[in-house]
C-alpha atoms as a PDB file:
ATOM      1  CA  MET A   1      90.566  60.194  64.635  1.00  0.00           C
ATOM      2  CA  THR A   2      86.833  59.442  64.420  1.00  0.00           C
ATOM      3  CA  ASN A   3      84.820  58.643  67.515  1.00  0.00           C
ATOM      4  CA  SER A   4      81.730  56.465  67.886  1.00  0.00           C
ATOM      5  CA  ASN A   5      79.479  59.414  67.053  1.00  0.00           C
ATOM      6  CA  ASN A   6      81.257  59.818  63.710  1.00  0.00           C
ATOM      7  CA  SER A   7      82.526  63.314  64.574  1.00  0.00           C
ATOM      8  CA  THR A   8      86.092  64.634  64.698  1.00  0.00           C
ATOM      9  CA  THR A   9      87.390  65.557  68.136  1.00  0.00           C
ATOM     10  CA  ASP A  10      90.665  66.356  69.825  1.00  0.00           C
ATOM     11  CA  PRO A  11      92.185  62.940  70.715  1.00  0.00           C
ATOM     12  CA  THR A  12      93.752  64.331  73.894  1.00  0.00           C
ATOM     13  CA  GLN A  13      90.317  65.164  75.258  1.00  0.00           C
ATOM     14  CA  GLN A  14      89.233  61.513  75.123  1.00  0.00           C
ATOM     15  CA  THR A  15      89.843  58.730  77.566  1.00  0.00           C
ATOM     16  CA  LEU A  16      90.978  55.252  76.666  1.00  0.00           C
ATOM     17  CA  SER A  17      87.562  53.994  77.727  1.00  0.00           C
ATOM     18  CA  ASP A  18      86.107  56.063  74.861  1.00  0.00           C
ATOM     19  CA  ILE A  19      88.193  54.358  72.195  1.00  0.00           C
ATOM     20  CA  SER A  20      88.848  50.804  73.318  1.00  0.00           C
ATOM     21  CA  ILE A  21      86.987  47.650  74.216  1.00  0.00           C
ATOM     22  CA  GLY A  22      89.011  45.892  76.870  1.00  0.00           C
ATOM     23  CA  PRO A  23      92.820  45.837  76.668  1.00  0.00           C
ATOM     24  CA  LEU A  24      94.447  47.325  73.591  1.00  0.00           C
ATOM     25  CA  ALA A  25      98.031  46.356  72.672  1.00  0.00           C
ATOM     26  CA  PHE A  26     100.332  49.158  71.555  1.00  0.00           C
ATOM     27  CA  GLU A  27     103.073  48.704  68.956  1.00  0.00           C
ATOM     28  CA  ASP A  28     106.516  47.522  70.068  1.00  0.00           C
ATOM     29  CA  ASP A  29     108.935  50.255  71.132  1.00  0.00           C
ATOM     30  CA  PRO A  30     112.500  50.236  72.537  1.00  0.00           C
ATOM     31  CA  ASP A  31     111.179  50.634  76.076  1.00  0.00           C
ATOM     32  CA  GLY A  32     108.988  47.548  75.766  1.00  0.00           C
ATOM     33  CA  ALA A  33     105.335  47.481  74.751  1.00  0.00           C
ATOM     34  CA  GLN A  34     102.585  47.464  77.362  1.00  0.00           C
ATOM     35  CA  ILE A  35      98.839  46.976  77.310  1.00  0.00           C
ATOM     36  CA  ALA A  36      96.622  50.035  77.622  1.00  0.00           C
ATOM     37  CA  SER A  37      93.899  49.743  80.240  1.00  0.00           C
ATOM     38  CA  THR A  38      90.674  51.720  80.452  1.00  0.00           C
ATOM     39  CA  GLN A  39      92.266  54.414  82.593  1.00  0.00           C
ATOM     40  CA  ASP A  40      91.930  58.090  81.691  1.00  0.00           C
ATOM     41  CA  MET A  41      94.729  59.628  79.654  1.00  0.00           C
ATOM     42  CA  ASP A  42      95.987  61.623  82.644  1.00  0.00           C
ATOM     43  CA  ASP A  43      96.644  58.367  84.560  1.00  0.00           C
ATOM     44  CA  ALA A  44      98.021  56.266  81.659  1.00  0.00           C
ATOM     45  CA  SER A  45     101.641  55.604  82.569  1.00  0.00           C
ATOM     46  CA  GLU A  46     102.237  54.130  79.070  1.00  0.00           C
ATOM     47  CA  PHE A  47     102.404  57.719  77.788  1.00  0.00           C
ATOM     48  CA  GLY A  48     104.560  58.871  80.645  1.00  0.00           C
ATOM     49  CA  ALA A  49     101.983  61.194  82.208  1.00  0.00           C
ATOM     50  CA  ASN A  50     103.317  60.438  85.660  1.00  0.00           C
ATOM     51  CA  ALA A  51     106.862  61.179  84.462  1.00  0.00           C
ATOM     52  CA  GLY A  52     105.933  64.793  83.786  1.00  0.00           C
ATOM     53  CA  ILE A  53     106.223  64.957  79.971  1.00  0.00           C
ATOM     54  CA  SER A  54     104.808  67.997  78.251  1.00  0.00           C
ATOM     55  CA  THR A  55     101.345  68.188  76.758  1.00  0.00           C
ATOM     56  CA  SER A  56     102.786  68.600  73.250  1.00  0.00           C
ATOM     57  CA  GLN A  57     104.881  65.468  73.659  1.00  0.00           C
ATOM     58  CA  LEU A  58     101.843  63.614  74.913  1.00  0.00           C
ATOM     59  CA  ASP A  59      99.781  64.821  71.941  1.00  0.00           C
ATOM     60  CA  LYS A  60     102.483  63.752  69.482  1.00  0.00           C
ATOM     61  CA  GLU A  61     102.850  60.309  71.090  1.00  0.00           C
ATOM     62  CA  PHE A  62      99.112  59.799  71.051  1.00  0.00           C
ATOM     63  CA  GLU A  63      98.761  60.821  67.382  1.00  0.00           C
ATOM     64  CA  GLU A  64     101.589  58.522  66.291  1.00  0.00           C
ATOM     65  CA  ARG A  65     100.120  55.526  68.041  1.00  0.00           C
ATOM     66  CA  PHE A  66      96.507  56.126  67.075  1.00  0.00           C
ATOM     67  CA  GLU A  67      96.953  57.727  63.635  1.00  0.00           C
ATOM     68  CA  LYS A  68      95.184  54.874  61.823  1.00  0.00           C
ATOM     69  CA  PHE A  69      93.008  53.760  64.708  1.00  0.00           C
ATOM     70  CA  TYR A  70      89.257  53.657  64.144  1.00  0.00           C
ATOM     71  CA  GLN A  71      86.487  52.163  66.171  1.00  0.00           C
ATOM     72  CA  ARG A  72      82.752  52.606  66.095  1.00  0.00           C
ATOM     73  CA  ARG A  73      80.169  50.782  68.128  1.00  0.00           C
ATOM     74  CA  TYR A  74      76.774  49.873  66.766  1.00  0.00           C
ATOM     75  CA  PRO A  75      73.919  48.008  68.434  1.00  0.00           C
ATOM     76  CA  GLY A  76      75.098  44.406  68.432  1.00  0.00           C
ATOM     77  CA  PHE A  77      78.545  44.808  66.821  1.00  0.00           C
ATOM     78  CA  THR A  78      81.729  46.878  66.657  1.00  0.00           C
ATOM     79  CA  LEU A  79      83.689  47.980  63.565  1.00  0.00           C
ATOM     80  CA  SER A  80      87.406  48.572  64.153  1.00  0.00           C
ATOM     81  CA  SER A  81      90.636  49.237  62.277  1.00  0.00           C
ATOM     82  CA  GLY A  82      94.255  49.835  63.251  1.00  0.00           C
ATOM     83  CA  LEU A  83      94.119  47.586  66.312  1.00  0.00           C
ATOM     84  CA  ASN A  84      97.235  45.762  67.477  1.00  0.00           C
ATOM     85  CA  THR A  85      96.487  42.107  68.208  1.00  0.00           C
ATOM     86  CA  MET A  86      98.533  39.619  70.183  1.00  0.00           C
ATOM     87  CA  GLY A  87      98.638  36.837  67.577  1.00  0.00           C
ATOM     88  CA  HIS A  88      98.225  38.426  64.136  1.00  0.00           C
ATOM     89  CA  GLY A  89      99.807  41.893  64.270  1.00  0.00           C
ATOM     90  CA  LYS A  90      97.867  44.983  63.261  1.00  0.00           C
ATOM     91  CA  ALA A  91      94.282  44.531  62.145  1.00  0.00           C
ATOM     92  CA  GLU A  92      93.057  46.230  58.970  1.00  0.00           C
ATOM     93  CA  LEU A  93      89.351  45.600  59.442  1.00  0.00           C
ATOM     94  CA  CYS A  94      87.532  43.873  62.299  1.00  0.00           C
ATOM     95  CA  LEU A  95      83.796  43.281  62.413  1.00  0.00           C
ATOM     96  CA  THR A  96      83.009  41.772  65.822  1.00  0.00           C
ATOM     97  CA  THR A  97      79.605  41.071  67.315  1.00  0.00           C
ATOM     98  CA  ASP A  98      78.705  41.372  70.989  1.00  0.00           C
ATOM     99  CA  THR A  99      78.646  37.552  71.180  1.00  0.00           C
ATOM    100  CA  ALA A 100      82.266  37.270  69.916  1.00  0.00           C
ATOM    101  CA  GLN A 101      81.432  36.240  66.353  1.00  0.00           C
ATOM    102  CA  ALA A 102      83.712  37.935  63.860  1.00  0.00           C
ATOM    103  CA  LEU A 103      85.169  38.625  60.433  1.00  0.00           C
ATOM    104  CA  HIS A 104      88.738  39.950  60.758  1.00  0.00           C
ATOM    105  CA  PHE A 105      91.429  40.984  58.236  1.00  0.00           C
ATOM    106  CA  TYR A 106      95.054  41.585  59.284  1.00  0.00           C
ATOM    107  CA  GLU A 107      97.892  43.505  57.611  1.00  0.00           C
ATOM    108  CA  GLN A 108     100.119  40.411  57.452  1.00  0.00           C
ATOM    109  CA  GLY A 109      97.545  38.744  55.184  1.00  0.00           C
ATOM    110  CA  ASN A 110      95.486  36.608  57.552  1.00  0.00           C
ATOM    111  CA  CYS A 111      91.702  36.434  57.593  1.00  0.00           C
ATOM    112  CA  LYS A 112      89.592  34.977  60.390  1.00  0.00           C
ATOM    113  CA  LEU A 113      85.911  34.085  60.138  1.00  0.00           C
ATOM    114  CA  GLY A 114      84.332  32.759  63.309  1.00  0.00           C
ATOM    115  CA  SER A 115      80.894  31.872  64.595  1.00  0.00           C
ATOM    116  CA  ARG A 116      79.664  30.244  67.788  1.00  0.00           C
ATOM    117  CA  ASN A 117      77.570  27.463  66.246  1.00  0.00           C
ATOM    118  CA  SER A 118      77.824  26.933  62.467  1.00  0.00           C
ATOM    119  CA  ILE A 119      78.694  28.515  59.118  1.00  0.00           C
ATOM    120  CA  GLU A 120      76.622  27.731  56.036  1.00  0.00           C
ATOM    121  CA  LEU A 121      77.760  28.509  52.504  1.00  0.00           C
ATOM    122  CA  LYS A 122      75.091  28.034  49.867  1.00  0.00           C
ATOM    123  CA  THR A 123      75.377  28.846  46.175  1.00  0.00           C
ATOM    124  CA  GLY A 124      74.788  27.463  42.676  1.00  0.00           C
ATOM    125  CA  ASP A 125      71.036  27.923  42.263  1.00  0.00           C
ATOM    126  CA  LYS A 126      71.704  29.398  38.791  1.00  0.00           C
ATOM    127  CA  ALA A 127      74.692  27.218  37.929  1.00  0.00           C
ATOM    128  CA  THR A 128      74.635  24.411  35.390  1.00  0.00           C
ATOM    129  CA  GLY A 129      75.941  20.885  35.775  1.00  0.00           C
ATOM    130  CA  ASP A 130      79.236  21.884  34.130  1.00  0.00           C
ATOM    131  CA  ASP A 131      79.913  24.921  36.374  1.00  0.00           C
ATOM    132  CA  ILE A 132      82.143  25.034  39.455  1.00  0.00           C
ATOM    133  CA  SER A 133      79.992  26.650  42.124  1.00  0.00           C
ATOM    134  CA  VAL A 134      82.509  26.622  45.002  1.00  0.00           C
ATOM    135  CA  PHE A 135      86.227  26.950  44.304  1.00  0.00           C
ATOM    136  CA  ILE A 136      88.835  26.731  47.095  1.00  0.00           C
ATOM    137  CA  THR A 137      92.509  27.045  46.180  1.00  0.00           C
ATOM    138  CA  ALA A 138      95.795  27.578  48.018  1.00  0.00           C
ATOM    139  CA  GLU A 139      98.606  28.702  45.692  1.00  0.00           C
ATOM    140  CA  ASN A 140     101.141  27.618  48.324  1.00  0.00           C
ATOM    141  CA  GLY A 141     100.812  25.752  51.583  1.00  0.00           C
ATOM    142  CA  HIS A 142      98.306  23.163  52.706  1.00  0.00           C
ATOM    143  CA  ILE A 143      94.536  22.903  53.082  1.00  0.00           C
ATOM    144  CA  LYS A 144      93.434  21.229  56.297  1.00  0.00           C
ATOM    145  CA  ILE A 145      89.871  20.308  57.251  1.00  0.00           C
ATOM    146  CA  THR A 146      89.361  18.820  60.701  1.00  0.00           C
ATOM    147  CA  ALA A 147      86.413  17.663  62.793  1.00  0.00           C
ATOM    148  CA  PRO A 148      87.995  16.432  66.059  1.00  0.00           C
ATOM    149  CA  ASN A 149      84.646  15.711  67.709  1.00  0.00           C
ATOM    150  CA  GLY A 150      82.474  14.839  64.716  1.00  0.00           C
ATOM    151  CA  ASN A 151      82.308  13.217  61.294  1.00  0.00           C
ATOM    152  CA  LEU A 152      83.890  14.581  58.118  1.00  0.00           C
ATOM    153  CA  ILE A 153      81.422  13.974  55.285  1.00  0.00           C
ATOM    154  CA  LEU A 154      82.242  14.419  51.584  1.00  0.00           C
ATOM    155  CA  GLN A 155      79.192  13.669  49.471  1.00  0.00           C
ATOM    156  CA  GLY A 156      78.409  14.173  45.796  1.00  0.00           C
ATOM    157  CA  SER A 157      77.199  12.492  42.621  1.00  0.00           C
ATOM    158  CA  ASN A 158      80.818  11.435  42.186  1.00  0.00           C
ATOM    159  CA  VAL A 159      83.698  11.839  44.635  1.00  0.00           C
ATOM    160  CA  LEU A 160      87.134  12.210  43.034  1.00  0.00           C
ATOM    161  CA  LEU A 161      90.444  12.106  44.926  1.00  0.00           C
ATOM    162  CA  GLU A 162      93.542  12.768  42.814  1.00  0.00           C
ATOM    163  CA  ALA A 163      97.209  13.319  43.673  1.00  0.00           C
ATOM    164  CA  THR A 164      98.715  15.423  40.860  1.00  0.00           C
ATOM    165  CA  ASP A 165     102.388  15.489  41.891  1.00  0.00           C
ATOM    166  CA  ALA A 166     104.791  13.256  39.957  1.00  0.00           C
ATOM    167  CA  ASP A 167     105.509  11.384  43.193  1.00  0.00           C
ATOM    168  CA  GLY A 168     102.054  12.041  44.617  1.00  0.00           C
ATOM    169  CA  GLN A 169     100.394   9.686  47.047  1.00  0.00           C
ATOM    170  CA  VAL A 170      96.857   9.223  48.350  1.00  0.00           C
ATOM    171  CA  THR A 171      96.898   7.965  51.935  1.00  0.00           C
ATOM    172  CA  VAL A 172      93.867   6.704  53.842  1.00  0.00           C
ATOM    173  CA  LYS A 173      94.476   5.813  57.494  1.00  0.00           C
ATOM    174  CA  SER A 174      92.204   4.546  60.235  1.00  0.00           C
ATOM    175  CA  LYS A 175      92.773   3.726  63.890  1.00  0.00           C
ATOM    176  CA  LYS A 176      90.618   0.598  63.609  1.00  0.00           C
ATOM    177  CA  ASN A 177      88.562  -0.365  60.548  1.00  0.00           C
ATOM    178  CA  MET A 178      88.336   0.584  56.878  1.00  0.00           C
ATOM    179  CA  TYR A 179      85.090  -0.351  55.170  1.00  0.00           C
ATOM    180  CA  LEU A 180      84.402  -0.255  51.422  1.00  0.00           C
ATOM    181  CA  ASP A 181      80.800  -0.888  50.370  1.00  0.00           C
ATOM    182  CA  ALA A 182      80.010  -0.943  46.635  1.00  0.00           C
ATOM    183  CA  PRO A 183      78.325  -3.301  44.121  1.00  0.00           C
ATOM    184  CA  SER A 184      81.629  -3.498  42.246  1.00  0.00           C
ATOM    185  CA  LEU A 185      85.262  -2.799  43.151  1.00  0.00           C
ATOM    186  CA  THR A 186      88.017  -2.396  40.552  1.00  0.00           C
ATOM    187  CA  VAL A 187      91.691  -1.802  41.366  1.00  0.00           C
ATOM    188  CA  ASP A 188      93.765  -0.916  38.291  1.00  0.00           C
ATOM    189  CA  THR A 189      97.478  -0.404  38.911  1.00  0.00           C
ATOM    190  CA  ASP A 190     100.944  -1.350  37.647  1.00  0.00           C
ATOM    191  CA  TYR A 191     102.018  -2.815  40.976  1.00  0.00           C
ATOM    192  CA  ALA A 192      99.894  -4.024  43.877  1.00  0.00           C
ATOM    193  CA  THR A 193     100.808  -5.346  47.315  1.00  0.00           C
ATOM    194  CA  ILE A 194      98.308  -6.538  49.892  1.00  0.00           C
ATOM    195  CA  ALA A 195      99.919  -7.526  53.194  1.00  0.00           C
ATOM    196  CA  ALA A 196      98.449  -8.448  56.549  1.00  0.00           C
ATOM    197  CA  SER A 197     100.707  -8.832  59.584  1.00  0.00           C
ATOM    198  CA  SER A 198      98.160 -11.199  61.140  1.00  0.00           C
ATOM    199  CA  ASP A 199      95.289 -12.985  59.331  1.00  0.00           C
ATOM    200  CA  MET A 200      94.102 -12.563  55.734  1.00  0.00           C
ATOM    201  CA  LEU A 201      90.942 -13.959  54.168  1.00  0.00           C
ATOM    202  CA  LEU A 202      90.179 -13.936  50.451  1.00  0.00           C
ATOM    203  CA  TYR A 203      86.607 -15.051  49.952  1.00  0.00           C
ATOM    204  CA  GLY A 204      84.405 -15.332  46.883  1.00  0.00           C
ATOM    205  CA  GLY A 205      80.715 -16.048  47.188  1.00  0.00           C
ATOM    206  CA  ASN A 206      80.721 -17.748  43.772  1.00  0.00           C
ATOM    207  CA  ASP A 207      83.949 -18.146  41.777  1.00  0.00           C
ATOM    208  CA  THR A 208      87.364 -17.052  43.011  1.00  0.00           C
ATOM    209  CA  LEU A 209      89.976 -16.686  40.273  1.00  0.00           C
ATOM    210  CA  VAL A 210      93.702 -16.011  40.599  1.00  0.00           C
ATOM    211  CA  TYR A 211      95.392 -15.507  37.224  1.00  0.00           C
ATOM    212  CA  CYS A 212      98.884 -14.588  36.044  1.00  0.00           C
ATOM    213  CA  GLU A 213      99.410 -13.487  32.430  1.00  0.00           C
ATOM    214  CA  SER A 214     103.155 -14.214  32.148  1.00  0.00           C
ATOM    215  CA  GLY A 215     103.539 -17.491  34.013  1.00  0.00           C
ATOM    216  CA  PRO A 216     102.198 -19.818  36.687  1.00  0.00           C
ATOM    217  CA  VAL A 217     100.812 -18.406  39.903  1.00  0.00           C
ATOM    218  CA  GLU A 218     103.126 -19.104  42.801  1.00  0.00           C
ATOM    219  CA  THR A 219     101.745 -19.934  46.231  1.00  0.00           C
ATOM    220  CA  ALA A 220     103.612 -20.930  49.355  1.00  0.00           C
ATOM    221  CA  SER A 221     103.067 -21.511  53.032  1.00  0.00           C
ATOM    222  CA  GLY A 222     105.427 -21.115  55.934  1.00  0.00           C
ATOM    223  CA  GLY A 223     104.096 -24.353  57.397  1.00  0.00           C
ATOM    224  CA  ASP A 224     104.363 -26.590  54.300  1.00  0.00           C
ATOM    225  CA  PRO A 225     107.685 -26.537  52.372  1.00  0.00           C
ATOM    226  CA  ILE A 226     106.187 -28.337  49.368  1.00  0.00           C
ATOM    227  CA  ILE A 227     102.702 -27.865  47.944  1.00  0.00           C
ATOM    228  CA  ALA A 228     100.709 -31.055  47.588  1.00  0.00           C
ATOM    229  CA  THR A 229     100.602 -32.469  44.035  1.00  0.00           C
ATOM    230  CA  SER A 230      96.836 -32.550  43.889  1.00  0.00           C
ATOM    231  CA  LEU A 231      96.614 -28.875  44.859  1.00  0.00           C
ATOM    232  CA  THR A 232      99.228 -27.955  42.239  1.00  0.00           C
ATOM    233  CA  GLU A 233      97.269 -29.737  39.522  1.00  0.00           C
ATOM    234  CA  LYS A 234      94.082 -27.912  40.512  1.00  0.00           C
ATOM    235  CA  ILE A 235      95.823 -24.542  40.388  1.00  0.00           C
ATOM    236  CA  LEU A 236      97.383 -25.249  36.969  1.00  0.00           C
ATOM    237  CA  ALA A 237      94.011 -26.331  35.587  1.00  0.00           C
ATOM    238  CA  ALA A 238      92.451 -23.124  36.857  1.00  0.00           C
ATOM    239  CA  LEU A 239      95.253 -21.106  35.206  1.00  0.00           C
ATOM    240  CA  LYS A 240      94.677 -22.803  31.854  1.00  0.00           C
ATOM    241  CA  ASN A 241      90.952 -22.109  32.025  1.00  0.00           C
ATOM    242  CA  ALA A 242      91.540 -18.485  32.976  1.00  0.00           C
ATOM    243  CA  LYS A 243      94.038 -17.988  30.141  1.00  0.00           C
ATOM    244  CA  MET A 244      91.562 -19.405  27.649  1.00  0.00           C
ATOM    245  CA  LEU A 245      88.905 -16.976  28.877  1.00  0.00           C
ATOM    246  CA  PHE A 246      91.190 -13.950  28.530  1.00  0.00           C
ATOM    247  CA  THR A 247      92.544 -15.051  25.127  1.00  0.00           C
ATOM    248  CA  SER A 248      89.107 -15.644  23.686  1.00  0.00           C
ATOM    249  CA  GLY A 249      87.899 -12.249  24.897  1.00  0.00           C
ATOM    250  CA  ALA A 250      85.221 -13.714  27.121  1.00  0.00           C
ATOM    251  CA  ILE A 251      86.485 -11.427  29.896  1.00  0.00           C
END
């Protein structure tokens, strides 16, 4: 085992305060795992010192549990390996600053990157317009981006959202309002349904056109069982005009 001075020493001559920062979790054993404190080795009941085990047994137990343990303290940060953590198993490499900012890798495959204020990723100064400068992929599982107390902003020359599954779906939900602001809006689909459980307003500042390619447009109201004749004639006239426009290629 290597100590913080980068020299090899007899592990049994060290105290837990020499090799740990705060509590250190040992691996599970049949007797039930405990948490090592900063007590000296002679007082550490986890190793059975108070039970009167031999020095050789104590040395063997210590070597087995700390065979891959490494920790070195530097001004401002600590570099560790072989630590047992409560939530992610054994750590392979942990770089932790004195202000609890960290980059951690764990044997089970997890990676944690944490900072106290912000993380900035900047790249692409030598990339061209056809290059992908940042690529994030998950071969399995989900990708989740959350901002519970702030805005989530996606901004670019073009923003593309695409569901690639055969039964894929793009869902946009809001607790209150949804606002679309653009000079032009085009919806191109095989089937479309617009439903409002309360009020609906369709408004056109200039012309408002409703057109059906295969037959007359049907309108109905729950309050009026029969549409007035004058209104029907106006709708049919509008349909004929719209069909003429589409047939002639004016639209």
